[in-house]
Amino acid sequence: KEADGSGPIQDFLAATARQHAVWIIAGTMPIAAQAEE
């Protein structure tokens, strides 16, 4: 899981959208929740 706004998956998405000049809707990825587990 990644913190909201920071992490390798989110960095990949931002960079890839910018590289190819496309809008990306990124399925789902695990972001930290209120519950630690």
ModelCIF file with pLDDT and N, C-alpha, C, O atoms, coordinates in Angstrom:
data_MODEL
#
_entry.id   MODEL 
#
_entity.id                         1 
_entity.type                       polymer 
_entity.pdbx_number_of_molecules   1 
#
_entity_poly.entity_id                      1 
_entity_poly.type                           'polypeptide(L)' 
_entity_poly.nstd_linkage                   no 
_entity_poly.nstd_monomer                   no 
_entity_poly.pdbx_seq_one_letter_code       KEADGSGPIQDFLAATARQHAVWIIAGTMPIAAQAEE 
_entity_poly.pdbx_seq_one_letter_code_can   KEADGSGPIQDFLAATARQHAVWIIAGTMPIAAQAEE 
_entity_poly.pdbx_strand_id                 A 
#
loop_
_entity_poly_seq.entity_id 
_entity_poly_seq.num 
_entity_poly_seq.mon_id 
_entity_poly_seq.hetero 
1 1  LYS n 
1 2  GLU n 
1 3  ALA n 
1 4  ASP n 
1 5  GLY n 
1 6  SER n 
1 7  GLY n 
1 8  PRO n 
1 9  ILE n 
1 10 GLN n 
1 11 ASP n 
1 12 PHE n 
1 13 LEU n 
1 14 ALA n 
1 15 ALA n 
1 16 THR n 
1 17 ALA n 
1 18 ARG n 
1 19 GLN n 
1 20 HIS n 
1 21 ALA n 
1 22 VAL n 
1 23 TRP n 
1 24 ILE n 
1 25 ILE n 
1 26 ALA n 
1 27 GLY n 
1 28 THR n 
1 29 MET n 
1 30 PRO n 
1 31 ILE n 
1 32 ALA n 
1 33 ALA n 
1 34 GLN n 
1 35 ALA n 
1 36 GLU n 
1 37 GLU n 
#
_struct_asym.id          A 
_struct_asym.entity_id   1 
#
loop_
_ma_qa_metric.id 
_ma_qa_metric.mode 
_ma_qa_metric.name 
_ma_qa_metric.software_group_id 
_ma_qa_metric.type 
1 global pLDDT . pLDDT 
2 local  pLDDT . pLDDT 
#
_ma_qa_metric_global.metric_id      1 
_ma_qa_metric_global.metric_value   97.35 
_ma_qa_metric_global.model_id       1 
_ma_qa_metric_global.ordinal_id     1 
#
loop_
_ma_qa_metric_local.label_asym_id 
_ma_qa_metric_local.label_comp_id 
_ma_qa_metric_local.label_seq_id 
_ma_qa_metric_local.metric_id 
_ma_qa_metric_local.metric_value 
_ma_qa_metric_local.model_id 
_ma_qa_metric_local.ordinal_id 
A LYS 1  2 98.00 1 1  
A GLU 2  2 98.00 1 2  
A ALA 3  2 98.00 1 3  
A ASP 4  2 98.00 1 4  
A GLY 5  2 96.00 1 5  
A SER 6  2 94.00 1 6  
A GLY 7  2 98.00 1 7  
A PRO 8  2 98.00 1 8  
A ILE 9  2 98.00 1 9  
A GLN 10 2 98.00 1 10 
A ASP 11 2 98.00 1 11 
A PHE 12 2 98.00 1 12 
A LEU 13 2 98.00 1 13 
A ALA 14 2 98.00 1 14 
A ALA 15 2 98.00 1 15 
A THR 16 2 98.00 1 16 
A ALA 17 2 98.00 1 17 
A ARG 18 2 98.00 1 18 
A GLN 19 2 98.00 1 19 
A HIS 20 2 98.00 1 20 
A ALA 21 2 98.00 1 21 
A VAL 22 2 98.00 1 22 
A TRP 23 2 98.00 1 23 
A ILE 24 2 99.00 1 24 
A ILE 25 2 98.00 1 25 
A ALA 26 2 98.00 1 26 
A GLY 27 2 96.00 1 27 
A THR 28 2 97.00 1 28 
A MET 29 2 98.00 1 29 
A PRO 30 2 98.00 1 30 
A ILE 31 2 98.00 1 31 
A ALA 32 2 98.00 1 32 
A ALA 33 2 97.00 1 33 
A GLN 34 2 95.00 1 34 
A ALA 35 2 94.00 1 35 
A GLU 36 2 93.00 1 36 
A GLU 37 2 95.00 1 37 
#
loop_
_atom_site.group_PDB 
_atom_site.id 
_atom_site.type_symbol 
_atom_site.label_atom_id 
_atom_site.label_alt_id 
_atom_site.label_comp_id 
_atom_site.label_asym_id 
_atom_site.label_entity_id 
_atom_site.label_seq_id 
_atom_site.pdbx_PDB_ins_code 
_atom_site.Cartn_x 
_atom_site.Cartn_y 
_atom_site.Cartn_z 
_atom_site.occupancy 
_atom_site.B_iso_or_equiv 
_atom_site.pdbx_formal_charge 
_atom_site.auth_seq_id 
_atom_site.auth_comp_id 
_atom_site.auth_asym_id 
_atom_site.auth_atom_id 
_atom_site.pdbx_PDB_model_num 
ATOM 1   N N  . LYS A 1 1  ? 0.830  -1.204 0.000   1.00 98.00 ? 1  LYS A N  1 
ATOM 2   C CA . LYS A 1 1  ? 0.000  0.000  0.000   1.00 98.00 ? 1  LYS A CA 1 
ATOM 3   C C  . LYS A 1 1  ? 0.868  1.259  0.000   1.00 98.00 ? 1  LYS A C  1 
ATOM 4   O O  . LYS A 1 1  ? 1.990  1.259  0.506   1.00 98.00 ? 1  LYS A O  1 
ATOM 5   N N  . GLU A 1 2  ? 0.328  2.316  -0.572  1.00 98.00 ? 2  GLU A N  1 
ATOM 6   C CA . GLU A 1 2  ? 1.034  3.589  -0.637  1.00 98.00 ? 2  GLU A CA 1 
ATOM 7   C C  . GLU A 1 2  ? 0.236  4.667  0.081   1.00 98.00 ? 2  GLU A C  1 
ATOM 8   O O  . GLU A 1 2  ? -0.990 4.602  0.168   1.00 98.00 ? 2  GLU A O  1 
ATOM 9   N N  . ALA A 1 3  ? 0.948  5.651  0.587   1.00 98.00 ? 3  ALA A N  1 
ATOM 10  C CA . ALA A 1 3  ? 0.275  6.836  1.120   1.00 98.00 ? 3  ALA A CA 1 
ATOM 11  C C  . ALA A 1 3  ? -0.375 7.585  -0.031  1.00 98.00 ? 3  ALA A C  1 
ATOM 12  O O  . ALA A 1 3  ? 0.122  7.560  -1.157  1.00 98.00 ? 3  ALA A O  1 
ATOM 13  N N  . ASP A 1 4  ? -1.476 8.243  0.250   1.00 98.00 ? 4  ASP A N  1 
ATOM 14  C CA . ASP A 1 4  ? -2.175 8.986  -0.794  1.00 98.00 ? 4  ASP A CA 1 
ATOM 15  C C  . ASP A 1 4  ? -1.267 10.073 -1.356  1.00 98.00 ? 4  ASP A C  1 
ATOM 16  O O  . ASP A 1 4  ? -0.821 10.963 -0.632  1.00 98.00 ? 4  ASP A O  1 
ATOM 17  N N  . GLY A 1 5  ? -0.998 9.987  -2.665  1.00 96.00 ? 5  GLY A N  1 
ATOM 18  C CA . GLY A 1 5  ? -0.193 11.007 -3.323  1.00 96.00 ? 5  GLY A CA 1 
ATOM 19  C C  . GLY A 1 5  ? 1.279  10.704 -3.419  1.00 96.00 ? 5  GLY A C  1 
ATOM 20  O O  . GLY A 1 5  ? 2.023  11.490 -4.005  1.00 96.00 ? 5  GLY A O  1 
ATOM 21  N N  . SER A 1 6  ? 1.734  9.581  -2.859  1.00 94.00 ? 6  SER A N  1 
ATOM 22  C CA . SER A 1 6  ? 3.163  9.306  -2.846  1.00 94.00 ? 6  SER A CA 1 
ATOM 23  C C  . SER A 1 6  ? 3.426  7.809  -2.933  1.00 94.00 ? 6  SER A C  1 
ATOM 24  O O  . SER A 1 6  ? 2.827  7.018  -2.204  1.00 94.00 ? 6  SER A O  1 
ATOM 25  N N  . GLY A 1 7  ? 4.337  7.425  -3.840  1.00 98.00 ? 7  GLY A N  1 
ATOM 26  C CA . GLY A 1 7  ? 4.704  6.018  -3.946  1.00 98.00 ? 7  GLY A CA 1 
ATOM 27  C C  . GLY A 1 7  ? 5.047  5.638  -5.364  1.00 98.00 ? 7  GLY A C  1 
ATOM 28  O O  . GLY A 1 7  ? 4.710  6.371  -6.294  1.00 98.00 ? 7  GLY A O  1 
ATOM 29  N N  . PRO A 1 8  ? 5.710  4.511  -5.557  1.00 98.00 ? 8  PRO A N  1 
ATOM 30  C CA . PRO A 1 8  ? 6.176  4.118  -6.894  1.00 98.00 ? 8  PRO A CA 1 
ATOM 31  C C  . PRO A 1 8  ? 5.057  3.859  -7.897  1.00 98.00 ? 8  PRO A C  1 
ATOM 32  O O  . PRO A 1 8  ? 5.223  4.146  -9.082  1.00 98.00 ? 8  PRO A O  1 
ATOM 33  N N  . ILE A 1 9  ? 3.922  3.324  -7.452  1.00 98.00 ? 9  ILE A N  1 
ATOM 34  C CA . ILE A 1 9  ? 2.818  3.078  -8.393  1.00 98.00 ? 9  ILE A CA 1 
ATOM 35  C C  . ILE A 1 9  ? 2.248  4.400  -8.868  1.00 98.00 ? 9  ILE A C  1 
ATOM 36  O O  . ILE A 1 9  ? 2.023  4.589  -10.063 1.00 98.00 ? 9  ILE A O  1 
ATOM 37  N N  . GLN A 1 10 ? 2.015  5.318  -7.936  1.00 98.00 ? 10 GLN A N  1 
ATOM 38  C CA . GLN A 1 10 ? 1.478  6.626  -8.309  1.00 98.00 ? 10 GLN A CA 1 
ATOM 39  C C  . GLN A 1 10 ? 2.474  7.417  -9.151  1.00 98.00 ? 10 GLN A C  1 
ATOM 40  O O  . GLN A 1 10 ? 2.076  8.120  -10.080 1.00 98.00 ? 10 GLN A O  1 
ATOM 41  N N  . ASP A 1 11 ? 3.758  7.312  -8.837  1.00 98.00 ? 11 ASP A N  1 
ATOM 42  C CA . ASP A 1 11 ? 4.778  7.988  -9.649  1.00 98.00 ? 11 ASP A CA 1 
ATOM 43  C C  . ASP A 1 11 ? 4.778  7.443  -11.069 1.00 98.00 ? 11 ASP A C  1 
ATOM 44  O O  . ASP A 1 11 ? 4.911  8.200  -12.030 1.00 98.00 ? 11 ASP A O  1 
ATOM 45  N N  . PHE A 1 12 ? 4.627  6.122  -11.198 1.00 98.00 ? 12 PHE A N  1 
ATOM 46  C CA . PHE A 1 12 ? 4.557  5.497  -12.522 1.00 98.00 ? 12 PHE A CA 1 
ATOM 47  C C  . PHE A 1 12 ? 3.382  6.041  -13.321 1.00 98.00 ? 12 PHE A C  1 
ATOM 48  O O  . PHE A 1 12 ? 3.535  6.373  -14.497 1.00 98.00 ? 12 PHE A O  1 
ATOM 49  N N  . LEU A 1 13 ? 2.228  6.134  -12.704 1.00 98.00 ? 13 LEU A N  1 
ATOM 50  C CA . LEU A 1 13 ? 1.033  6.600  -13.407 1.00 98.00 ? 13 LEU A CA 1 
ATOM 51  C C  . LEU A 1 13 ? 1.194  8.034  -13.890 1.00 98.00 ? 13 LEU A C  1 
ATOM 52  O O  . LEU A 1 13 ? 0.867  8.349  -15.035 1.00 98.00 ? 13 LEU A O  1 
ATOM 53  N N  . ALA A 1 14 ? 1.694  8.897  -13.023 1.00 98.00 ? 14 ALA A N  1 
ATOM 54  C CA . ALA A 1 14 ? 1.889  10.295 -13.393 1.00 98.00 ? 14 ALA A CA 1 
ATOM 55  C C  . ALA A 1 14 ? 2.887  10.422 -14.541 1.00 98.00 ? 14 ALA A C  1 
ATOM 56  O O  . ALA A 1 14 ? 2.647  11.147 -15.507 1.00 98.00 ? 14 ALA A O  1 
ATOM 57  N N  . ALA A 1 15 ? 4.005  9.712  -14.426 1.00 98.00 ? 15 ALA A N  1 
ATOM 58  C CA . ALA A 1 15 ? 5.049  9.796  -15.450 1.00 98.00 ? 15 ALA A CA 1 
ATOM 59  C C  . ALA A 1 15 ? 4.566  9.238  -16.782 1.00 98.00 ? 15 ALA A C  1 
ATOM 60  O O  . ALA A 1 15 ? 4.876  9.793  -17.836 1.00 98.00 ? 15 ALA A O  1 
ATOM 61  N N  . THR A 1 16 ? 3.810  8.147  -16.745 1.00 98.00 ? 16 THR A N  1 
ATOM 62  C CA . THR A 1 16 ? 3.337  7.515  -17.976 1.00 98.00 ? 16 THR A CA 1 
ATOM 63  C C  . THR A 1 16 ? 2.299  8.377  -18.679 1.00 98.00 ? 16 THR A C  1 
ATOM 64  O O  . THR A 1 16 ? 2.316  8.500  -19.904 1.00 98.00 ? 16 THR A O  1 
ATOM 65  N N  . ALA A 1 17 ? 1.401  8.972  -17.913 1.00 98.00 ? 17 ALA A N  1 
ATOM 66  C CA . ALA A 1 17 ? 0.419  9.879  -18.510 1.00 98.00 ? 17 ALA A CA 1 
ATOM 67  C C  . ALA A 1 17 ? 1.120  11.053 -19.185 1.00 98.00 ? 17 ALA A C  1 
ATOM 68  O O  . ALA A 1 17 ? 0.763  11.447 -20.296 1.00 98.00 ? 17 ALA A O  1 
ATOM 69  N N  . ARG A 1 18 ? 2.111  11.601 -18.509 1.00 98.00 ? 18 ARG A N  1 
ATOM 70  C CA . ARG A 1 18 ? 2.862  12.737 -19.052 1.00 98.00 ? 18 ARG A CA 1 
ATOM 71  C C  . ARG A 1 18 ? 3.673  12.326 -20.275 1.00 98.00 ? 18 ARG A C  1 
ATOM 72  O O  . ARG A 1 18 ? 3.697  13.049 -21.271 1.00 98.00 ? 18 ARG A O  1 
ATOM 73  N N  . GLN A 1 19 ? 4.327  11.194 -20.213 1.00 98.00 ? 19 GLN A N  1 
ATOM 74  C CA . GLN A 1 19 ? 5.170  10.734 -21.316 1.00 98.00 ? 19 GLN A CA 1 
ATOM 75  C C  . GLN A 1 19 ? 4.390  10.556 -22.606 1.00 98.00 ? 19 GLN A C  1 
ATOM 76  O O  . GLN A 1 19 ? 4.854  10.936 -23.681 1.00 98.00 ? 19 GLN A O  1 
ATOM 77  N N  . HIS A 1 20 ? 3.188  9.968  -22.491 1.00 98.00 ? 20 HIS A N  1 
ATOM 78  C CA . HIS A 1 20 ? 2.405  9.655  -23.693 1.00 98.00 ? 20 HIS A CA 1 
ATOM 79  C C  . HIS A 1 20 ? 1.298  10.676 -23.966 1.00 98.00 ? 20 HIS A C  1 
ATOM 80  O O  . HIS A 1 20 ? 0.545  10.537 -24.930 1.00 98.00 ? 20 HIS A O  1 
ATOM 81  N N  . ALA A 1 21 ? 1.202  11.696 -23.117 1.00 98.00 ? 21 ALA A N  1 
ATOM 82  C CA . ALA A 1 21 ? 0.178  12.735 -23.270 1.00 98.00 ? 21 ALA A CA 1 
ATOM 83  C C  . ALA A 1 21 ? -1.220 12.123 -23.373 1.00 98.00 ? 21 ALA A C  1 
ATOM 84  O O  . ALA A 1 21 ? -2.006 12.463 -24.257 1.00 98.00 ? 21 ALA A O  1 
ATOM 85  N N  . VAL A 1 22 ? -1.502 11.208 -22.438 1.00 98.00 ? 22 VAL A N  1 
ATOM 86  C CA . VAL A 1 22 ? -2.812 10.569 -22.387 1.00 98.00 ? 22 VAL A CA 1 
ATOM 87  C C  . VAL A 1 22 ? -3.416 10.752 -20.997 1.00 98.00 ? 22 VAL A C  1 
ATOM 88  O O  . VAL A 1 22 ? -2.699 10.941 -20.014 1.00 98.00 ? 22 VAL A O  1 
ATOM 89  N N  . TRP A 1 23 ? -4.731 10.693 -20.932 1.00 98.00 ? 23 TRP A N  1 
ATOM 90  C CA . TRP A 1 23 ? -5.418 10.591 -19.650 1.00 98.00 ? 23 TRP A CA 1 
ATOM 91  C C  . TRP A 1 23 ? -5.435 9.118  -19.255 1.00 98.00 ? 23 TRP A C  1 
ATOM 92  O O  . TRP A 1 23 ? -5.715 8.246  -20.078 1.00 98.00 ? 23 TRP A O  1 
ATOM 93  N N  . ILE A 1 24 ? -5.137 8.856  -17.999 1.00 99.00 ? 24 ILE A N  1 
ATOM 94  C CA . ILE A 1 24 ? -5.144 7.493  -17.490 1.00 99.00 ? 24 ILE A CA 1 
ATOM 95  C C  . ILE A 1 24 ? -6.137 7.386  -16.343 1.00 99.00 ? 24 ILE A C  1 
ATOM 96  O O  . ILE A 1 24 ? -6.079 8.156  -15.385 1.00 99.00 ? 24 ILE A O  1 
ATOM 97  N N  . ILE A 1 25 ? -7.048 6.425  -16.450 1.00 98.00 ? 25 ILE A N  1 
ATOM 98  C CA . ILE A 1 25 ? -7.890 6.040  -15.320 1.00 98.00 ? 25 ILE A CA 1 
ATOM 99  C C  . ILE A 1 25 ? -7.354 4.697  -14.842 1.00 98.00 ? 25 ILE A C  1 
ATOM 100 O O  . ILE A 1 25 ? -7.440 3.684  -15.536 1.00 98.00 ? 25 ILE A O  1 
ATOM 101 N N  . ALA A 1 26 ? -6.798 4.723  -13.637 1.00 98.00 ? 26 ALA A N  1 
ATOM 102 C CA . ALA A 1 26 ? -5.950 3.610  -13.185 1.00 98.00 ? 26 ALA A CA 1 
ATOM 103 C C  . ALA A 1 26 ? -6.710 2.663  -12.283 1.00 98.00 ? 26 ALA A C  1 
ATOM 104 O O  . ALA A 1 26 ? -6.595 2.715  -11.058 1.00 98.00 ? 26 ALA A O  1 
ATOM 105 N N  . GLY A 1 27 ? -7.483 1.801  -12.905 1.00 96.00 ? 27 GLY A N  1 
ATOM 106 C CA . GLY A 1 27 ? -8.161 0.667  -12.271 1.00 96.00 ? 27 GLY A CA 1 
ATOM 107 C C  . GLY A 1 27 ? -8.283 0.794  -10.774 1.00 96.00 ? 27 GLY A C  1 
ATOM 108 O O  . GLY A 1 27 ? -9.024 1.649  -10.290 1.00 96.00 ? 27 GLY A O  1 
ATOM 109 N N  . THR A 1 28 ? -7.584 -0.027 -10.030 1.00 97.00 ? 28 THR A N  1 
ATOM 110 C CA . THR A 1 28 ? -7.444 0.188  -8.592  1.00 97.00 ? 28 THR A CA 1 
ATOM 111 C C  . THR A 1 28 ? -6.027 -0.146 -8.167  1.00 97.00 ? 28 THR A C  1 
ATOM 112 O O  . THR A 1 28 ? -5.350 -0.989 -8.755  1.00 97.00 ? 28 THR A O  1 
ATOM 113 N N  . MET A 1 29 ? -5.607 0.553  -7.121  1.00 98.00 ? 29 MET A N  1 
ATOM 114 C CA . MET A 1 29 ? -4.334 0.282  -6.468  1.00 98.00 ? 29 MET A CA 1 
ATOM 115 C C  . MET A 1 29 ? -4.535 0.457  -4.966  1.00 98.00 ? 29 MET A C  1 
ATOM 116 O O  . MET A 1 29 ? -5.450 1.170  -4.554  1.00 98.00 ? 29 MET A O  1 
ATOM 117 N N  . PRO A 1 30 ? -3.695 -0.180 -4.130  1.00 98.00 ? 30 PRO A N  1 
ATOM 118 C CA . PRO A 1 30 ? -3.893 -0.103 -2.680  1.00 98.00 ? 30 PRO A CA 1 
ATOM 119 C C  . PRO A 1 30 ? -3.339 1.187  -2.084  1.00 98.00 ? 30 PRO A C  1 
ATOM 120 O O  . PRO A 1 30 ? -2.136 1.441  -2.123  1.00 98.00 ? 30 PRO A O  1 
ATOM 121 N N  . ILE A 1 31 ? -4.240 1.994  -1.532  1.00 98.00 ? 31 ILE A N  1 
ATOM 122 C CA . ILE A 1 31 ? -3.897 3.235  -0.831  1.00 98.00 ? 31 ILE A CA 1 
ATOM 123 C C  . ILE A 1 31 ? -4.187 3.033  0.657   1.00 98.00 ? 31 ILE A C  1 
ATOM 124 O O  . ILE A 1 31 ? -5.158 2.369  1.020   1.00 98.00 ? 31 ILE A O  1 
ATOM 125 N N  . ALA A 1 32 ? -3.350 3.603  1.505   1.00 98.00 ? 32 ALA A N  1 
ATOM 126 C CA . ALA A 1 32 ? -3.503 3.447  2.947   1.00 98.00 ? 32 ALA A CA 1 
ATOM 127 C C  . ALA A 1 32 ? -4.909 3.832  3.399   1.00 98.00 ? 32 ALA A C  1 
ATOM 128 O O  . ALA A 1 32 ? -5.470 4.830  2.949   1.00 98.00 ? 32 ALA A O  1 
ATOM 129 N N  . ALA A 1 33 ? -5.467 3.019  4.298   1.00 97.00 ? 33 ALA A N  1 
ATOM 130 C CA . ALA A 1 33 ? -6.807 3.239  4.845   1.00 97.00 ? 33 ALA A CA 1 
ATOM 131 C C  . ALA A 1 33 ? -6.697 3.725  6.284   1.00 97.00 ? 33 ALA A C  1 
ATOM 132 O O  . ALA A 1 33 ? -5.604 3.800  6.845   1.00 97.00 ? 33 ALA A O  1 
ATOM 133 N N  . GLN A 1 34 ? -7.839 4.054  6.871   1.00 95.00 ? 34 GLN A N  1 
ATOM 134 C CA . GLN A 1 34 ? -7.848 4.415  8.282   1.00 95.00 ? 34 GLN A CA 1 
ATOM 135 C C  . GLN A 1 34 ? -7.445 3.228  9.142   1.00 95.00 ? 34 GLN A C  1 
ATOM 136 O O  . GLN A 1 34 ? -6.709 3.381  10.117  1.00 95.00 ? 34 GLN A O  1 
ATOM 137 N N  . ALA A 1 35 ? -7.928 2.051  8.781   1.00 94.00 ? 35 ALA A N  1 
ATOM 138 C CA . ALA A 1 35 ? -7.551 0.831  9.492   1.00 94.00 ? 35 ALA A CA 1 
ATOM 139 C C  . ALA A 1 35 ? -6.186 0.371  8.990   1.00 94.00 ? 35 ALA A C  1 
ATOM 140 O O  . ALA A 1 35 ? -5.989 0.196  7.788   1.00 94.00 ? 35 ALA A O  1 
ATOM 141 N N  . GLU A 1 36 ? -5.247 0.174  9.913   1.00 93.00 ? 36 GLU A N  1 
ATOM 142 C CA . GLU A 1 36 ? -3.870 -0.143 9.541   1.00 93.00 ? 36 GLU A CA 1 
ATOM 143 C C  . GLU A 1 36 ? -3.769 -1.448 8.764   1.00 93.00 ? 36 GLU A C  1 
ATOM 144 O O  . GLU A 1 36 ? -2.899 -1.588 7.905   1.00 93.00 ? 36 GLU A O  1 
ATOM 145 N N  . GLU A 1 37 ? -4.653 -2.411 9.055   1.00 95.00 ? 37 GLU A N  1 
ATOM 146 C CA . GLU A 1 37 ? -4.565 -3.725 8.433   1.00 95.00 ? 37 GLU A CA 1 
ATOM 147 C C  . GLU A 1 37 ? -5.358 -3.814 7.122   1.00 95.00 ? 37 GLU A C  1 
ATOM 148 O O  . GLU A 1 37 ? -5.376 -4.866 6.482   1.00 95.00 ? 37 GLU A O  1 
#
